[in-house]
Amino acid sequence: MSIANSSSGGNISISQLPGDVSNSLSQRPKGADLVAHQARVDHAVLRVHEVGVAFGGVQALSGVDLAVTMGTITGLIGPNGAGKTTLFNVITGLQVQDKGQVILDGEDISRLKPHKRARLGMARTFQRLETFGSMTVFENVLTAAEISKSWAHRDSSSAKDIAIRAIDRVGIGALANQRADSLPVGLARMVEVARALATNPQVLLLDEPSSGLNEEESVNFANLLIQLAKEGLALLLVEHDMEMVMRICAFLYVLDFGKLLAAGTPEVVQANPAVQAAYLGSEQ
């Protein structure tokens, strides 16, 4: 089996790739940019290797590989029910995988509890809002900052200052004293993002963060993610706003029925007929 190398125009045989990659990806679709994926694996701060999850007789994830590098935004896309949130849950420790590994900074964290992964520098937001509704925006974010300060000493600032910075960073400083449950969905999602940033993560997982944002808010949020990546943060983004995904992501992984359908730059993924048919919309 061989694939086209988008940068050189030549063909590269699976057998020419390093052993672990050629073995684990030998069944991947021809649209997967295996060389680019391997380059990411070599420099990955977060790696998912051959992850599988089954719920009863349903295979939610099957042999999924993924790599996230520092200073970039990596996109994870696919139809509803493709397994994206399940994969997020595996990465963050909320779901134990049946097979495979989750590796953070070269350490296998597959069996660590979620709070221990957080202490290693992993943070996330949720598809379903998980704010503390009866608390103010500031109190929501302060809670995260205080918990993080109890185990991490990377930032000498007070928890209060960290919370204020995070709230201002996502553009909701004017709402700091409002109850979280009084906010529209889009702004409540920004509370979640601020809360995650208050833990000073090295890897941030975002599950449909732009849902509920208007056009202007979406543009501002996309620019924020670009800036965070420029500052060195590793971001993994699940998002249905394809315009945003294609504009800000350096690399994409496409899931379909729990399997990796394609991987590559936005240009490679957009040109993949299987992706067009399954998710982006075929012209036929």
C-alpha atoms as a PDB file:
ATOM      1  CA  MET A   1       0.000   0.000   0.000  1.00  0.00           C
ATOM      2  CA  SER A   2       1.263   3.502  -0.788  1.00  0.00           C
ATOM      3  CA  ILE A   3       0.025   7.027  -0.318  1.00  0.00           C
ATOM      4  CA  ALA A   4       0.662  10.305  -2.057  1.00  0.00           C
ATOM      5  CA  ASN A   5       3.023  12.639  -0.296  1.00  0.00           C
ATOM      6  CA  SER A   6       1.327  16.013  -0.557  1.00  0.00           C
ATOM      7  CA  SER A   7       4.573  17.930  -0.193  1.00  0.00           C
ATOM      8  CA  SER A   8       6.624  16.100  -2.799  1.00  0.00           C
ATOM      9  CA  GLY A   9       4.040  14.570  -5.088  1.00  0.00           C
ATOM     10  CA  GLY A  10       5.692  11.162  -4.784  1.00  0.00           C
ATOM     11  CA  ASN A  11       4.435   7.902  -3.336  1.00  0.00           C
ATOM     12  CA  ILE A  12       5.593   6.564  -0.001  1.00  0.00           C
ATOM     13  CA  SER A  13       5.148   2.931   0.925  1.00  0.00           C
ATOM     14  CA  ILE A  14       3.788   2.021   4.343  1.00  0.00           C
ATOM     15  CA  SER A  15       6.742  -0.317   4.711  1.00  0.00           C
ATOM     16  CA  GLN A  16       9.109   2.665   4.514  1.00  0.00           C
ATOM     17  CA  LEU A  17       7.667   4.180   7.684  1.00  0.00           C
ATOM     18  CA  PRO A  18       8.988   3.389  11.181  1.00  0.00           C
ATOM     19  CA  GLY A  19       7.777   0.038  12.482  1.00  0.00           C
ATOM     20  CA  ASP A  20       5.273   1.142  15.138  1.00  0.00           C
ATOM     21  CA  VAL A  21       3.616   3.593  12.787  1.00  0.00           C
ATOM     22  CA  SER A  22       3.537   1.273   9.778  1.00  0.00           C
ATOM     23  CA  ASN A  23       2.006  -1.475  11.896  1.00  0.00           C
ATOM     24  CA  SER A  24      -0.607   0.655  13.607  1.00  0.00           C
ATOM     25  CA  LEU A  25      -1.569   2.655  10.524  1.00  0.00           C
ATOM     26  CA  SER A  26      -1.253   0.018   7.808  1.00  0.00           C
ATOM     27  CA  GLN A  27      -5.032  -0.267   7.617  1.00  0.00           C
ATOM     28  CA  ARG A  28      -5.624   3.462   7.489  1.00  0.00           C
ATOM     29  CA  PRO A  29      -7.364   4.976   4.457  1.00  0.00           C
ATOM     30  CA  LYS A  30      -5.233   6.245   1.617  1.00  0.00           C
ATOM     31  CA  GLY A  31      -6.224   9.802   2.508  1.00  0.00           C
ATOM     32  CA  ALA A  32      -4.298   9.673   5.780  1.00  0.00           C
ATOM     33  CA  ASP A  33      -1.102  11.730   5.628  1.00  0.00           C
ATOM     34  CA  LEU A  34       1.021   9.142   7.424  1.00  0.00           C
ATOM     35  CA  VAL A  35       4.344  10.924   7.022  1.00  0.00           C
ATOM     36  CA  ALA A  36       2.943  14.128   8.523  1.00  0.00           C
ATOM     37  CA  HIS A  37       1.356  12.124  11.326  1.00  0.00           C
ATOM     38  CA  GLN A  38       4.676  10.437  12.145  1.00  0.00           C
ATOM     39  CA  ALA A  39       6.423  13.807  12.225  1.00  0.00           C
ATOM     40  CA  ARG A  40       3.842  14.938  14.771  1.00  0.00           C
ATOM     41  CA  VAL A  41       4.306  11.755  16.828  1.00  0.00           C
ATOM     42  CA  ASP A  42       8.031  12.473  17.044  1.00  0.00           C
ATOM     43  CA  HIS A  43       7.323  15.879  18.608  1.00  0.00           C
ATOM     44  CA  ALA A  44       4.032  15.174  20.373  1.00  0.00           C
ATOM     45  CA  VAL A  45       3.301  16.364  23.891  1.00  0.00           C
ATOM     46  CA  LEU A  46       0.114  14.281  23.796  1.00  0.00           C
ATOM     47  CA  ARG A  47      -0.182  11.006  21.943  1.00  0.00           C
ATOM     48  CA  VAL A  48      -3.060   8.571  21.611  1.00  0.00           C
ATOM     49  CA  HIS A  49      -1.929   5.164  20.381  1.00  0.00           C
ATOM     50  CA  GLU A  50      -4.241   2.400  19.120  1.00  0.00           C
ATOM     51  CA  VAL A  51      -7.059   3.308  21.516  1.00  0.00           C
ATOM     52  CA  GLY A  52     -10.151   1.135  21.524  1.00  0.00           C
ATOM     53  CA  VAL A  53     -13.367   1.415  23.559  1.00  0.00           C
ATOM     54  CA  ALA A  54     -16.452  -0.794  23.418  1.00  0.00           C
ATOM     55  CA  PHE A  55     -19.794  -0.266  25.121  1.00  0.00           C
ATOM     56  CA  GLY A  56     -21.385  -3.684  25.187  1.00  0.00           C
ATOM     57  CA  GLY A  57     -21.414  -4.834  21.590  1.00  0.00           C
ATOM     58  CA  VAL A  58     -20.848  -1.341  20.192  1.00  0.00           C
ATOM     59  CA  GLN A  59     -17.282  -0.433  19.230  1.00  0.00           C
ATOM     60  CA  ALA A  60     -17.126   3.276  20.049  1.00  0.00           C
ATOM     61  CA  LEU A  61     -13.418   3.627  19.217  1.00  0.00           C
ATOM     62  CA  SER A  62     -11.212   1.242  17.272  1.00  0.00           C
ATOM     63  CA  GLY A  63      -7.436   1.588  16.891  1.00  0.00           C
ATOM     64  CA  VAL A  64      -7.399   5.390  17.064  1.00  0.00           C
ATOM     65  CA  ASP A  65      -4.058   7.198  16.752  1.00  0.00           C
ATOM     66  CA  LEU A  66      -3.591  10.911  17.332  1.00  0.00           C
ATOM     67  CA  ALA A  67      -0.746  13.299  18.116  1.00  0.00           C
ATOM     68  CA  VAL A  68      -0.884  16.843  19.501  1.00  0.00           C
ATOM     69  CA  THR A  69       2.150  19.123  19.438  1.00  0.00           C
ATOM     70  CA  MET A  70       3.012  22.202  21.457  1.00  0.00           C
ATOM     71  CA  GLY A  71       2.204  25.552  19.913  1.00  0.00           C
ATOM     72  CA  THR A  72      -0.377  24.206  17.470  1.00  0.00           C
ATOM     73  CA  ILE A  73      -4.120  23.713  17.197  1.00  0.00           C
ATOM     74  CA  THR A  74      -5.060  20.155  16.263  1.00  0.00           C
ATOM     75  CA  GLY A  75      -8.603  19.510  15.083  1.00  0.00           C
ATOM     76  CA  LEU A  76     -10.687  16.394  15.728  1.00  0.00           C
ATOM     77  CA  ILE A  77     -13.739  16.323  13.500  1.00  0.00           C
ATOM     78  CA  GLY A  78     -16.370  13.845  12.384  1.00  0.00           C
ATOM     79  CA  PRO A  79     -20.140  13.298  12.236  1.00  0.00           C
ATOM     80  CA  ASN A  80     -22.261  13.136  15.377  1.00  0.00           C
ATOM     81  CA  GLY A  81     -21.665   9.830  17.104  1.00  0.00           C
ATOM     82  CA  ALA A  82     -18.232   9.369  15.540  1.00  0.00           C
ATOM     83  CA  GLY A  83     -16.568   8.963  18.944  1.00  0.00           C
ATOM     84  CA  LYS A  84     -15.004  12.386  19.458  1.00  0.00           C
ATOM     85  CA  THR A  85     -16.268  13.015  22.979  1.00  0.00           C
ATOM     86  CA  THR A  86     -15.534   9.410  23.945  1.00  0.00           C
ATOM     87  CA  LEU A  87     -11.942   9.963  22.816  1.00  0.00           C
ATOM     88  CA  PHE A  88     -11.775  13.166  24.886  1.00  0.00           C
ATOM     89  CA  ASN A  89     -13.022  11.194  27.875  1.00  0.00           C
ATOM     90  CA  VAL A  90     -10.329   8.574  27.335  1.00  0.00           C
ATOM     91  CA  ILE A  91      -7.613  11.220  27.060  1.00  0.00           C
ATOM     92  CA  THR A  92      -8.707  12.974  30.256  1.00  0.00           C
ATOM     93  CA  GLY A  93      -9.349   9.787  32.241  1.00  0.00           C
ATOM     94  CA  LEU A  94     -13.137   9.891  32.464  1.00  0.00           C
ATOM     95  CA  GLN A  95     -13.387   6.748  30.314  1.00  0.00           C
ATOM     96  CA  VAL A  96     -11.048   3.770  30.655  1.00  0.00           C
ATOM     97  CA  GLN A  97     -10.044   2.392  27.270  1.00  0.00           C
ATOM     98  CA  ASP A  98     -10.097  -1.328  26.503  1.00  0.00           C
ATOM     99  CA  LYS A  99      -6.962  -1.105  24.388  1.00  0.00           C
ATOM    100  CA  GLY A 100      -4.180   1.342  23.603  1.00  0.00           C
ATOM    101  CA  GLN A 101      -2.309   4.076  25.407  1.00  0.00           C
ATOM    102  CA  VAL A 102      -2.531   7.760  26.262  1.00  0.00           C
ATOM    103  CA  ILE A 103       0.924   9.305  26.531  1.00  0.00           C
ATOM    104  CA  LEU A 104       1.608  12.782  27.937  1.00  0.00           C
ATOM    105  CA  ASP A 105       5.126  14.205  27.761  1.00  0.00           C
ATOM    106  CA  GLY A 106       6.503  10.747  27.124  1.00  0.00           C
ATOM    107  CA  GLU A 107       4.744   9.223  30.158  1.00  0.00           C
ATOM    108  CA  ASP A 108       2.027   6.577  29.841  1.00  0.00           C
ATOM    109  CA  ILE A 109      -0.910   8.059  31.753  1.00  0.00           C
ATOM    110  CA  SER A 110      -3.474   5.501  30.563  1.00  0.00           C
ATOM    111  CA  ARG A 111      -4.365   4.382  34.096  1.00  0.00           C
ATOM    112  CA  LEU A 112      -4.133   7.715  35.884  1.00  0.00           C
ATOM    113  CA  LYS A 113      -7.241   9.288  37.405  1.00  0.00           C
ATOM    114  CA  PRO A 114      -8.503  12.572  35.902  1.00  0.00           C
ATOM    115  CA  HIS A 115      -7.195  14.740  38.766  1.00  0.00           C
ATOM    116  CA  LYS A 116      -3.714  13.304  38.360  1.00  0.00           C
ATOM    117  CA  ARG A 117      -3.782  14.070  34.639  1.00  0.00           C
ATOM    118  CA  ALA A 118      -4.852  17.616  35.472  1.00  0.00           C
ATOM    119  CA  ARG A 119      -1.861  17.951  37.776  1.00  0.00           C
ATOM    120  CA  LEU A 120       0.377  16.969  34.877  1.00  0.00           C
ATOM    121  CA  GLY A 121      -0.928  19.921  32.851  1.00  0.00           C
ATOM    122  CA  MET A 122      -4.098  18.714  31.105  1.00  0.00           C
ATOM    123  CA  ALA A 123      -7.344  20.705  31.067  1.00  0.00           C
ATOM    124  CA  ARG A 124     -10.590  20.475  29.125  1.00  0.00           C
ATOM    125  CA  THR A 125     -14.010  21.928  28.473  1.00  0.00           C
ATOM    126  CA  PHE A 126     -17.154  19.881  27.934  1.00  0.00           C
ATOM    127  CA  GLN A 127     -19.696  19.510  25.167  1.00  0.00           C
ATOM    128  CA  ARG A 128     -22.381  19.767  27.825  1.00  0.00           C
ATOM    129  CA  LEU A 129     -21.880  22.833  30.009  1.00  0.00           C
ATOM    130  CA  GLU A 130     -20.271  22.043  33.349  1.00  0.00           C
ATOM    131  CA  THR A 131     -20.213  25.426  35.071  1.00  0.00           C
ATOM    132  CA  PHE A 132     -21.196  25.965  38.710  1.00  0.00           C
ATOM    133  CA  GLY A 133     -24.477  27.704  38.027  1.00  0.00           C
ATOM    134  CA  SER A 134     -25.081  29.255  41.452  1.00  0.00           C
ATOM    135  CA  MET A 135     -21.584  30.780  41.530  1.00  0.00           C
ATOM    136  CA  THR A 136     -20.453  33.926  39.760  1.00  0.00           C
ATOM    137  CA  VAL A 137     -18.169  33.874  36.760  1.00  0.00           C
ATOM    138  CA  PHE A 138     -15.292  35.002  38.961  1.00  0.00           C
ATOM    139  CA  GLU A 139     -16.022  32.340  41.590  1.00  0.00           C
ATOM    140  CA  ASN A 140     -16.110  29.621  38.927  1.00  0.00           C
ATOM    141  CA  VAL A 141     -12.680  30.554  37.651  1.00  0.00           C
ATOM    142  CA  LEU A 142     -11.267  31.299  41.109  1.00  0.00           C
ATOM    143  CA  THR A 143     -12.162  27.768  42.206  1.00  0.00           C
ATOM    144  CA  ALA A 144     -10.004  26.325  39.433  1.00  0.00           C
ATOM    145  CA  ALA A 145      -7.163  28.732  40.188  1.00  0.00           C
ATOM    146  CA  GLU A 146      -7.188  27.886  43.899  1.00  0.00           C
ATOM    147  CA  ILE A 147      -7.207  24.135  43.286  1.00  0.00           C
ATOM    148  CA  SER A 148      -4.384  24.474  40.786  1.00  0.00           C
ATOM    149  CA  LYS A 149      -2.347  26.611  43.197  1.00  0.00           C
ATOM    150  CA  SER A 150      -2.649  23.867  45.814  1.00  0.00           C
ATOM    151  CA  TRP A 151      -0.537  21.486  43.734  1.00  0.00           C
ATOM    152  CA  ALA A 152       1.323  23.637  41.201  1.00  0.00           C
ATOM    153  CA  HIS A 153       3.745  26.459  41.805  1.00  0.00           C
ATOM    154  CA  ARG A 154       4.500  27.458  38.215  1.00  0.00           C
ATOM    155  CA  ASP A 155       2.865  30.863  38.700  1.00  0.00           C
ATOM    156  CA  SER A 156       3.758  33.036  41.699  1.00  0.00           C
ATOM    157  CA  SER A 157       0.605  35.136  41.248  1.00  0.00           C
ATOM    158  CA  SER A 158      -2.280  34.833  43.702  1.00  0.00           C
ATOM    159  CA  ALA A 159      -5.246  32.671  42.772  1.00  0.00           C
ATOM    160  CA  LYS A 160      -7.357  35.845  42.581  1.00  0.00           C
ATOM    161  CA  ASP A 161      -4.982  37.452  40.074  1.00  0.00           C
ATOM    162  CA  ILE A 162      -4.823  34.273  38.005  1.00  0.00           C
ATOM    163  CA  ALA A 163      -8.628  34.131  37.863  1.00  0.00           C
ATOM    164  CA  ILE A 164      -8.934  37.783  36.847  1.00  0.00           C
ATOM    165  CA  ARG A 165      -6.347  37.311  34.085  1.00  0.00           C
ATOM    166  CA  ALA A 166      -8.116  34.222  32.736  1.00  0.00           C
ATOM    167  CA  ILE A 167     -11.503  35.954  32.703  1.00  0.00           C
ATOM    168  CA  ASP A 168     -10.098  39.002  30.946  1.00  0.00           C
ATOM    169  CA  ARG A 169      -8.217  36.771  28.529  1.00  0.00           C
ATOM    170  CA  VAL A 170     -11.411  35.237  27.145  1.00  0.00           C
ATOM    171  CA  GLY A 171     -13.169  38.604  26.980  1.00  0.00           C
ATOM    172  CA  ILE A 172     -15.761  38.262  29.745  1.00  0.00           C
ATOM    173  CA  GLY A 173     -14.276  40.568  32.372  1.00  0.00           C
ATOM    174  CA  ALA A 174     -17.429  42.681  32.426  1.00  0.00           C
ATOM    175  CA  LEU A 175     -19.424  39.610  33.470  1.00  0.00           C
ATOM    176  CA  ALA A 176     -17.209  38.617  36.397  1.00  0.00           C
ATOM    177  CA  ASN A 177     -19.884  39.233  39.042  1.00  0.00           C
ATOM    178  CA  GLN A 178     -22.781  37.628  37.193  1.00  0.00           C
ATOM    179  CA  ARG A 179     -24.036  34.178  38.111  1.00  0.00           C
ATOM    180  CA  ALA A 180     -22.959  31.569  35.602  1.00  0.00           C
ATOM    181  CA  ASP A 181     -26.490  30.239  35.171  1.00  0.00           C
ATOM    182  CA  SER A 182     -27.674  33.687  34.051  1.00  0.00           C
ATOM    183  CA  LEU A 183     -25.421  33.690  30.981  1.00  0.00           C
ATOM    184  CA  PRO A 184     -26.357  32.574  27.465  1.00  0.00           C
ATOM    185  CA  VAL A 185     -24.749  29.320  26.372  1.00  0.00           C
ATOM    186  CA  GLY A 186     -22.002  30.916  24.310  1.00  0.00           C
ATOM    187  CA  LEU A 187     -20.737  33.088  27.145  1.00  0.00           C
ATOM    188  CA  ALA A 188     -21.061  30.258  29.658  1.00  0.00           C
ATOM    189  CA  ARG A 189     -18.702  28.280  27.442  1.00  0.00           C
ATOM    190  CA  MET A 190     -16.176  31.094  27.759  1.00  0.00           C
ATOM    191  CA  VAL A 191     -16.412  30.649  31.537  1.00  0.00           C
ATOM    192  CA  GLU A 192     -15.368  27.040  31.027  1.00  0.00           C
ATOM    193  CA  VAL A 193     -12.446  28.107  28.856  1.00  0.00           C
ATOM    194  CA  ALA A 194     -11.336  30.691  31.431  1.00  0.00           C
ATOM    195  CA  ARG A 195     -11.609  28.090  34.174  1.00  0.00           C
ATOM    196  CA  ALA A 196      -9.437  25.690  32.188  1.00  0.00           C
ATOM    197  CA  LEU A 197      -6.835  28.395  31.486  1.00  0.00           C
ATOM    198  CA  ALA A 198      -6.704  29.238  35.190  1.00  0.00           C
ATOM    199  CA  THR A 199      -5.064  25.847  35.807  1.00  0.00           C
ATOM    200  CA  ASN A 200      -2.129  26.880  33.597  1.00  0.00           C
ATOM    201  CA  PRO A 201      -2.302  23.793  31.356  1.00  0.00           C
ATOM    202  CA  GLN A 202       0.199  22.673  28.759  1.00  0.00           C
ATOM    203  CA  VAL A 203      -2.515  20.764  26.860  1.00  0.00           C
ATOM    204  CA  LEU A 204      -6.057  22.122  26.486  1.00  0.00           C
ATOM    205  CA  LEU A 205      -8.905  20.031  25.072  1.00  0.00           C
ATOM    206  CA  LEU A 206     -11.920  21.968  23.822  1.00  0.00           C
ATOM    207  CA  ASP A 207     -15.193  20.165  23.065  1.00  0.00           C
ATOM    208  CA  GLU A 208     -17.360  22.303  20.745  1.00  0.00           C
ATOM    209  CA  PRO A 209     -16.371  25.572  22.460  1.00  0.00           C
ATOM    210  CA  SER A 210     -17.891  27.913  19.858  1.00  0.00           C
ATOM    211  CA  SER A 211     -21.391  26.445  20.154  1.00  0.00           C
ATOM    212  CA  GLY A 212     -23.751  29.289  21.018  1.00  0.00           C
ATOM    213  CA  LEU A 213     -21.386  32.074  19.990  1.00  0.00           C
ATOM    214  CA  ASN A 214     -22.473  34.641  17.432  1.00  0.00           C
ATOM    215  CA  GLU A 215     -20.324  35.398  14.399  1.00  0.00           C
ATOM    216  CA  GLU A 216     -18.312  38.186  16.016  1.00  0.00           C
ATOM    217  CA  GLU A 217     -17.757  36.156  19.187  1.00  0.00           C
ATOM    218  CA  SER A 218     -16.648  33.159  17.116  1.00  0.00           C
ATOM    219  CA  VAL A 219     -14.071  35.244  15.251  1.00  0.00           C
ATOM    220  CA  ASN A 220     -12.727  36.675  18.509  1.00  0.00           C
ATOM    221  CA  PHE A 221     -12.572  33.227  20.062  1.00  0.00           C
ATOM    222  CA  ALA A 222     -10.735  31.786  17.057  1.00  0.00           C
ATOM    223  CA  ASN A 223      -8.196  34.592  17.337  1.00  0.00           C
ATOM    224  CA  LEU A 224      -7.776  33.813  21.039  1.00  0.00           C
ATOM    225  CA  LEU A 225      -6.991  30.169  20.248  1.00  0.00           C
ATOM    226  CA  ILE A 226      -4.453  31.221  17.624  1.00  0.00           C
ATOM    227  CA  GLN A 227      -2.759  33.485  20.176  1.00  0.00           C
ATOM    228  CA  LEU A 228      -2.715  30.748  22.830  1.00  0.00           C
ATOM    229  CA  ALA A 229      -1.048  28.405  20.354  1.00  0.00           C
ATOM    230  CA  LYS A 230       1.534  31.064  19.490  1.00  0.00           C
ATOM    231  CA  GLU A 231       2.349  31.254  23.197  1.00  0.00           C
ATOM    232  CA  GLY A 232       3.145  27.534  23.195  1.00  0.00           C
ATOM    233  CA  LEU A 233      -0.080  25.903  24.370  1.00  0.00           C
ATOM    234  CA  ALA A 234      -1.062  22.598  22.759  1.00  0.00           C
ATOM    235  CA  LEU A 235      -4.743  22.616  21.792  1.00  0.00           C
ATOM    236  CA  LEU A 236      -6.996  19.757  20.699  1.00  0.00           C
ATOM    237  CA  LEU A 237     -10.261  21.050  19.283  1.00  0.00           C
ATOM    238  CA  VAL A 238     -13.557  19.301  18.594  1.00  0.00           C
ATOM    239  CA  GLU A 239     -15.650  21.746  16.610  1.00  0.00           C
ATOM    240  CA  HIS A 240     -18.502  21.690  14.097  1.00  0.00           C
ATOM    241  CA  ASP A 241     -17.773  25.181  12.770  1.00  0.00           C
ATOM    242  CA  MET A 242     -15.854  24.032   9.699  1.00  0.00           C
ATOM    243  CA  GLU A 243     -14.890  27.543   8.657  1.00  0.00           C
ATOM    244  CA  MET A 244     -13.157  28.028  12.005  1.00  0.00           C
ATOM    245  CA  VAL A 245     -11.569  24.571  11.946  1.00  0.00           C
ATOM    246  CA  MET A 246     -10.107  24.979   8.472  1.00  0.00           C
ATOM    247  CA  ARG A 247      -8.790  28.453   9.299  1.00  0.00           C
ATOM    248  CA  ILE A 248      -7.047  27.829  12.600  1.00  0.00           C
ATOM    249  CA  CYS A 249      -6.055  24.149  12.747  1.00  0.00           C
ATOM    250  CA  ALA A 250      -2.596  23.049  11.625  1.00  0.00           C
ATOM    251  CA  PHE A 251      -3.585  19.387  11.412  1.00  0.00           C
ATOM    252  CA  LEU A 252      -6.853  17.441  11.427  1.00  0.00           C
ATOM    253  CA  TYR A 253      -7.949  13.956  12.403  1.00  0.00           C
ATOM    254  CA  VAL A 254     -11.299  12.728  11.102  1.00  0.00           C
ATOM    255  CA  LEU A 255     -13.267  10.089  13.004  1.00  0.00           C
ATOM    256  CA  ASP A 256     -16.144   8.113  11.523  1.00  0.00           C
ATOM    257  CA  PHE A 257     -17.886   5.299  13.399  1.00  0.00           C
ATOM    258  CA  GLY A 258     -15.039   5.236  15.900  1.00  0.00           C
ATOM    259  CA  LYS A 259     -12.264   4.775  13.347  1.00  0.00           C
ATOM    260  CA  LEU A 260      -9.737   7.180  11.901  1.00  0.00           C
ATOM    261  CA  LEU A 261     -11.041   8.052   8.459  1.00  0.00           C
ATOM    262  CA  ALA A 262      -8.358  10.557   7.483  1.00  0.00           C
ATOM    263  CA  ALA A 263      -5.540  12.665   8.881  1.00  0.00           C
ATOM    264  CA  GLY A 264      -3.638  15.583   7.432  1.00  0.00           C
ATOM    265  CA  THR A 265      -3.566  19.304   6.914  1.00  0.00           C
ATOM    266  CA  PRO A 266      -6.912  21.026   6.330  1.00  0.00           C
ATOM    267  CA  GLU A 267      -6.163  21.082   2.603  1.00  0.00           C
ATOM    268  CA  VAL A 268      -5.475  17.335   2.502  1.00  0.00           C
ATOM    269  CA  VAL A 269      -8.574  16.514   4.534  1.00  0.00           C
ATOM    270  CA  GLN A 270     -10.857  18.760   2.483  1.00  0.00           C
ATOM    271  CA  ALA A 271      -9.688  17.056  -0.709  1.00  0.00           C
ATOM    272  CA  ASN A 272     -10.315  13.558   0.654  1.00  0.00           C
ATOM    273  CA  PRO A 273     -13.372  12.032  -1.097  1.00  0.00           C
ATOM    274  CA  ALA A 274     -14.146   9.807   1.900  1.00  0.00           C
ATOM    275  CA  VAL A 275     -14.288  12.837   4.184  1.00  0.00           C
ATOM    276  CA  GLN A 276     -16.428  14.747   1.715  1.00  0.00           C
ATOM    277  CA  ALA A 277     -18.895  11.872   1.562  1.00  0.00           C
ATOM    278  CA  ALA A 278     -18.980  11.151   5.294  1.00  0.00           C
ATOM    279  CA  TYR A 279     -18.837  14.594   6.807  1.00  0.00           C
ATOM    280  CA  LEU A 280     -18.116  17.715   4.794  1.00  0.00           C
ATOM    281  CA  GLY A 281     -20.662  16.906   2.125  1.00  0.00           C
ATOM    282  CA  SER A 282     -20.071  15.244  -1.216  1.00  0.00           C
ATOM    283  CA  GLU A 283     -20.766  17.139  -4.404  1.00  0.00           C
ATOM    284  CA  GLN A 284     -22.400  14.071  -5.819  1.00  0.00           C
END
